[in-house]
C-alpha cells in the first residue's frame, strides 16, 4: 500500500513473489510484515496463490529479520456456524476457505522463528458481496437479500479498515511466540438487512428455505 505520509521518491514498490537482495537491504529496519494480499475467487489452482503469498510473506519476513508476520486469513476456514472460536474445528465449505486453511497450515508447519499471527477475519466492510457497493444501486439492480423461515436474513461478522489497523497496531506491542490464530472483527454479528439499512442502501426481500450458511459469525473474546 502507498503511504501518503512518505514522499513518493522514498516509497518502495516491489513484487513479493519475486524480489531481490536490494529490496531486503532497504527493508532491513522493518520489524513487522503485514500480508493482506490474497485471491478470493477462482479455480482451486488459482486460489493456491494464497499459499504462495503466505510463503512469500514469511520468506520476506525471515530475509529482512522481522520480528512478526500478520497474515490475513478468513473466517471461511470454519465453514458455517455462530460465534465460532479459535478452538472450533475448521470445516471450510468453499474452495476459498480451503485455500486459506492450506496457507495457515503451511505457516504453522514452517516452524519459523518469526512470530506469526494468522488473522481469521470477518467479512471486509465494503468489499464483500453484501456491502461491496459504496453508492446506491439503480432501482432495476437492487441488492436481493435472502430471508429464511425464522424471518431473519444472513448474519455475518465484519471488520472495517480503521479498526483493523488499530488491532494490528495493538497486537504489535505483544510478545507472541510461534504460530498464533486470532479471530478479527469489529462487529461480531449483524444481520444483512440491518447493515444495509444503516448504510442507507435499498434492497429487496427474497424468501428462501432453511440454509446452514445463514449464520457465519465469529467470537472475538480471545482478541479482547
Protein backbone atom coordinates (compact mmCIF):
# COMPACT_ATOMS: atom_id res chain seq x y z
CA UNK A 1 0.00 0.00 0.00
CA UNK A 2 1.12 3.55 -0.65
CA UNK A 3 1.74 5.57 2.50
CA UNK A 4 0.82 9.16 1.64
CA UNK A 5 2.88 10.46 4.55
CA UNK A 6 6.10 9.25 2.91
CA UNK A 7 7.48 11.23 -0.06
CA UNK A 8 6.87 9.34 -3.30
CA UNK A 9 10.61 9.02 -4.05
CA UNK A 10 11.11 7.21 -0.73
CA UNK A 11 8.27 4.72 -1.15
CA UNK A 12 9.17 1.14 -2.05
CA UNK A 13 7.24 -0.85 -4.64
CA UNK A 14 8.08 -4.48 -5.30
CA UNK A 15 6.64 -7.87 -6.19
CA UNK A 16 6.60 -10.02 -3.00
CA UNK A 17 6.65 -13.16 -5.15
CA UNK A 18 9.80 -12.05 -6.97
CA UNK A 19 12.17 -9.69 -5.18
CA UNK A 20 15.95 -9.34 -4.96
CA UNK A 21 18.60 -8.62 -2.32
CA UNK A 22 18.47 -4.86 -2.87
CA UNK A 23 14.90 -4.80 -1.53
CA UNK A 24 15.98 -6.84 1.51
CA UNK A 25 18.61 -4.24 2.36
CA UNK A 26 16.12 -1.39 2.04
CA UNK A 27 13.65 -3.16 4.35
CA UNK A 28 16.23 -4.29 6.92
CA UNK A 29 14.86 -1.99 9.67
CA UNK A 30 11.28 -3.24 9.33
CA UNK A 31 10.16 -5.35 12.30
CA UNK A 32 6.60 -6.20 11.16
CA UNK A 33 5.32 -7.60 7.88
CA UNK A 34 1.57 -7.50 7.14
CA UNK A 35 0.23 -9.69 4.34
CA UNK A 36 -3.25 -8.54 3.34
CA UNK A 37 -2.91 -9.68 -0.27
CA UNK A 38 -4.96 -12.63 -1.47
CA UNK A 39 -7.34 -14.03 -4.02
CA UNK A 40 -10.96 -14.76 -3.14
CA UNK A 41 -12.38 -16.16 -6.38
CA UNK A 42 -11.13 -18.60 -8.98
CA UNK A 43 -10.29 -22.23 -9.59
CA UNK A 44 -8.53 -24.36 -6.99
CA UNK A 45 -5.31 -23.82 -8.91
CA UNK A 46 -5.78 -20.04 -8.94
CA UNK A 47 -6.72 -19.97 -5.26
CA UNK A 48 -3.49 -21.80 -4.41
CA UNK A 49 -1.89 -18.38 -4.85
CA UNK A 50 -2.98 -17.72 -1.26
CA UNK A 51 -0.46 -20.29 -0.05
CA UNK A 52 2.19 -18.84 -2.37
CA UNK A 53 1.57 -15.40 -0.86
CA UNK A 54 1.86 -16.83 2.64
CA UNK A 55 5.17 -18.44 1.68
CA UNK A 56 6.42 -15.21 0.12
CA UNK A 57 5.46 -13.09 3.13
CA UNK A 58 7.19 -15.50 5.51
CA UNK A 59 10.30 -15.63 3.34
CA UNK A 60 10.42 -11.84 3.21
CA UNK A 61 9.94 -11.64 7.00
CA UNK A 62 12.84 -14.00 7.55
CA UNK A 63 15.07 -12.35 4.94
CA UNK A 64 14.76 -8.88 6.46
CA UNK A 65 14.90 -10.12 10.06
CA UNK A 66 11.39 -9.04 11.01
CA UNK A 67 10.02 -9.99 14.42
CA UNK A 68 6.46 -10.76 13.39
CA UNK A 69 4.20 -11.53 10.45
CA UNK A 70 0.49 -10.77 10.28
CA UNK A 71 -1.28 -12.96 7.72
CA UNK A 72 -4.84 -12.19 6.59
CA UNK A 73 -6.72 -15.47 6.79
CA UNK A 74 -10.51 -15.72 6.89
CA UNK A 75 -13.44 -16.92 8.94
CA UNK A 76 -14.19 -19.04 5.86
CA UNK A 77 -11.85 -21.70 7.28
CA UNK A 78 -14.55 -22.56 9.85
CA UNK A 79 -17.43 -23.18 7.48
CA UNK A 80 -20.90 -22.49 8.87
CA UNK A 81 -21.67 -21.60 12.46
CA UNK A 82 -22.41 -18.92 15.02
CA UNK A 83 -19.93 -17.28 17.44
CA UNK A 84 -17.15 -19.56 16.23
CA UNK A 85 -13.96 -19.52 18.32
CA UNK A 86 -10.33 -20.25 17.56
CA UNK A 87 -10.78 -23.63 19.27
CA UNK A 88 -13.59 -24.76 16.97
CA UNK A 89 -12.85 -27.39 14.34
CA UNK A 90 -12.20 -25.99 10.87
CA UNK A 91 -14.59 -27.23 8.20
CA UNK A 92 -14.42 -24.98 5.12
CA UNK A 93 -17.27 -25.35 2.64
CA UNK A 94 -15.74 -23.32 -0.20
CA UNK A 95 -12.57 -23.54 -2.25
CA UNK A 96 -11.64 -20.14 -0.88
CA UNK A 97 -11.92 -21.40 2.70
CA UNK A 98 -9.80 -24.44 1.85
CA UNK A 99 -7.14 -22.22 0.24
CA UNK A 100 -6.88 -20.04 3.34
CA UNK A 101 -6.65 -23.11 5.57
CA UNK A 102 -3.89 -24.51 3.35
CA UNK A 103 -1.99 -21.24 3.76
CA UNK A 104 -2.42 -21.38 7.53
CA UNK A 105 -1.15 -24.95 7.66
CA UNK A 106 1.95 -24.00 5.70
CA UNK A 107 2.70 -21.18 8.14
CA UNK A 108 2.09 -23.38 11.17
CA UNK A 109 4.24 -26.22 9.86
CA UNK A 110 7.08 -23.89 8.86
CA UNK A 111 8.35 -23.81 12.47
CA UNK A 112 9.71 -20.36 11.74
CA UNK A 113 11.40 -18.28 14.42
CA UNK A 114 9.17 -15.40 13.28
CA UNK A 115 6.09 -14.70 15.40
CA UNK A 116 3.15 -15.43 13.08
CA UNK A 117 -0.37 -14.13 13.71
CA UNK A 118 -2.96 -15.65 11.38
CA UNK A 119 -5.93 -13.30 11.43
CA UNK A 120 -9.20 -15.13 10.79
CA UNK A 121 -11.11 -12.11 9.63
CA UNK A 122 -14.80 -11.47 9.30
CA UNK A 123 -16.20 -10.03 6.08
CA UNK A 124 -14.33 -6.91 4.97
CA UNK A 125 -16.73 -3.97 5.07
CA UNK A 126 -17.39 -2.59 1.58
CA UNK A 127 -15.50 -5.48 -0.03
CA UNK A 128 -17.87 -8.43 0.39
CA UNK A 129 -20.85 -9.49 -1.72
CA UNK A 130 -23.32 -7.64 0.52
CA UNK A 131 -21.63 -4.29 1.14
CA UNK A 132 -19.49 -4.09 -1.98
CA UNK A 133 -21.45 -1.13 -3.32
CA UNK A 134 -20.41 2.24 -1.95
CA UNK A 135 -23.30 4.01 -3.63
CA UNK A 136 -26.97 3.27 -4.03
CA UNK A 137 -27.60 0.83 -6.88
CA UNK A 138 -30.10 1.72 -9.63
CA UNK A 139 -33.68 0.67 -8.90
CA UNK A 140 -33.55 -2.06 -11.55
CA UNK A 141 -30.50 -3.60 -9.88
CA UNK A 142 -31.28 -3.56 -6.17
CA UNK A 143 -29.45 -5.90 -3.83
CA UNK A 144 -31.50 -9.03 -3.17
CA UNK A 145 -31.38 -10.26 0.43
CA UNK A 146 -32.35 -13.79 1.36
CA UNK A 147 -34.73 -14.21 4.28
CA UNK A 148 -35.20 -17.58 5.94
CA UNK A 149 -38.13 -19.36 7.66
CA UNK A 150 -37.21 -17.74 11.00
CA UNK A 151 -37.85 -14.32 9.43
CA UNK A 152 -34.20 -13.28 9.55
CA UNK A 153 -31.61 -12.57 6.87
CA UNK A 154 -27.94 -13.53 6.61
CA UNK A 155 -25.85 -12.93 9.72
CA UNK A 156 -22.15 -12.15 9.36
CA UNK A 157 -19.15 -10.72 11.23
CA UNK A 158 -17.45 -7.62 9.81
CA UNK A 159 -14.13 -5.83 10.03
CA UNK A 160 -13.52 -2.27 8.81
CA UNK A 161 -10.14 -0.97 7.69
CA UNK A 162 -9.70 1.57 10.51
CA UNK A 163 -10.43 -0.99 13.22
CA UNK A 164 -8.11 -3.49 11.53
CA UNK A 165 -5.22 -1.02 11.58
CA UNK A 166 -5.81 -0.31 15.28
CA UNK A 167 -5.96 -4.03 16.09
CA UNK A 168 -2.72 -4.78 14.25
CA UNK A 169 -1.02 -1.84 15.95
CA UNK A 170 -2.11 -3.08 19.39
CA UNK A 171 -1.10 -6.68 18.68
CA UNK A 172 2.34 -5.49 17.57
CA UNK A 173 3.04 -4.50 21.18
CA UNK A 174 2.57 -8.08 22.41
CA UNK A 175 5.38 -10.62 22.66
CA UNK A 176 3.68 -13.53 20.91
CA UNK A 177 5.76 -16.59 20.08
CA UNK A 178 5.40 -19.13 17.29
CA UNK A 179 2.20 -19.57 15.28
CA UNK A 180 -0.95 -17.88 16.61
CA UNK A 181 -4.57 -17.74 15.46
CA UNK A 182 -6.89 -14.84 16.27
CA UNK A 183 -10.42 -14.08 15.16
CA UNK A 184 -10.62 -10.48 13.92
CA UNK A 185 -13.86 -8.48 13.70
CA UNK A 186 -15.08 -5.04 14.73
CA UNK A 187 -18.71 -6.21 14.58
CA UNK A 188 -19.14 -9.78 15.79
CA UNK A 189 -22.64 -10.25 14.41
CA UNK A 190 -25.05 -8.20 12.33
CA UNK A 191 -27.86 -9.19 10.00
CA UNK A 192 -27.63 -8.10 6.38
CA UNK A 193 -30.83 -6.06 6.34
CA UNK A 194 -29.80 -4.16 9.47
CA UNK A 195 -26.39 -3.39 7.97
CA UNK A 196 -27.76 -2.16 4.63
CA UNK A 197 -30.36 -0.06 6.43
CA UNK A 198 -27.57 1.59 8.44
CA UNK A 199 -25.71 2.26 5.19
CA UNK A 200 -28.95 3.57 3.60
CA UNK A 201 -28.64 1.10 0.73
CA UNK A 202 -32.02 -0.11 -0.61
CA UNK A 203 -32.69 -3.81 -1.04
CA UNK A 204 -35.46 -6.25 -1.93
CA UNK A 205 -36.53 -9.32 0.00
CA UNK A 206 -36.27 -12.88 -1.25
CA UNK A 207 -37.81 -15.68 0.80
CA UNK A 208 -35.92 -18.95 0.70
CA UNK A 209 -35.73 -22.27 2.50
CA UNK A 210 -33.59 -23.08 5.52
CA UNK A 211 -29.83 -22.99 4.90
CA UNK A 212 -26.95 -23.91 7.21
CA UNK A 213 -24.99 -20.92 5.91
CA UNK A 214 -27.49 -18.39 7.25
CA UNK A 215 -25.11 -17.65 10.12
CA UNK A 216 -21.34 -17.39 9.76
CA UNK A 217 -20.11 -15.35 12.71
CA UNK A 218 -17.01 -15.40 14.87
CA UNK A 219 -16.29 -14.67 18.52
CA UNK A 220 -13.53 -12.17 19.31
CA UNK A 221 -13.34 -12.92 23.03
CA UNK A 222 -9.71 -14.02 22.77
CA UNK A 223 -8.79 -10.81 20.91
CA UNK A 224 -10.42 -8.71 23.62
